[in-house]
Amino acid sequence: MADTEESQQWVPSFNPWLIAVSVMMATVMEVLDTSVANVALPHIAGNLSATTEEATWVLTSYLISNAIILPATS
């Protein structure tokens, strides 16, 4: 009886590496998206004839919306 209990080992239903890679890819995509918004900020300001301070609100509102939505999506 003791031999069968010791030989049975718990195995996760999902591969932990698959979960880690999925989380890492989502994080990389989030950083890439923020970087693209930072690079595009001068072009957005130029096309709209906005000052740098006015165009910064685009990035600020984007980061605030991410801070609200990301925890909500788990």
Foldseek 3Di string as FASTA:
>chain_A
DVVVVVVDDDDDPDDPVVVVVVVVVVVVVVVVVLVVLVVCLVVVCVVVVHDSVVSVVVSVVVVVVCVVVVVVVD
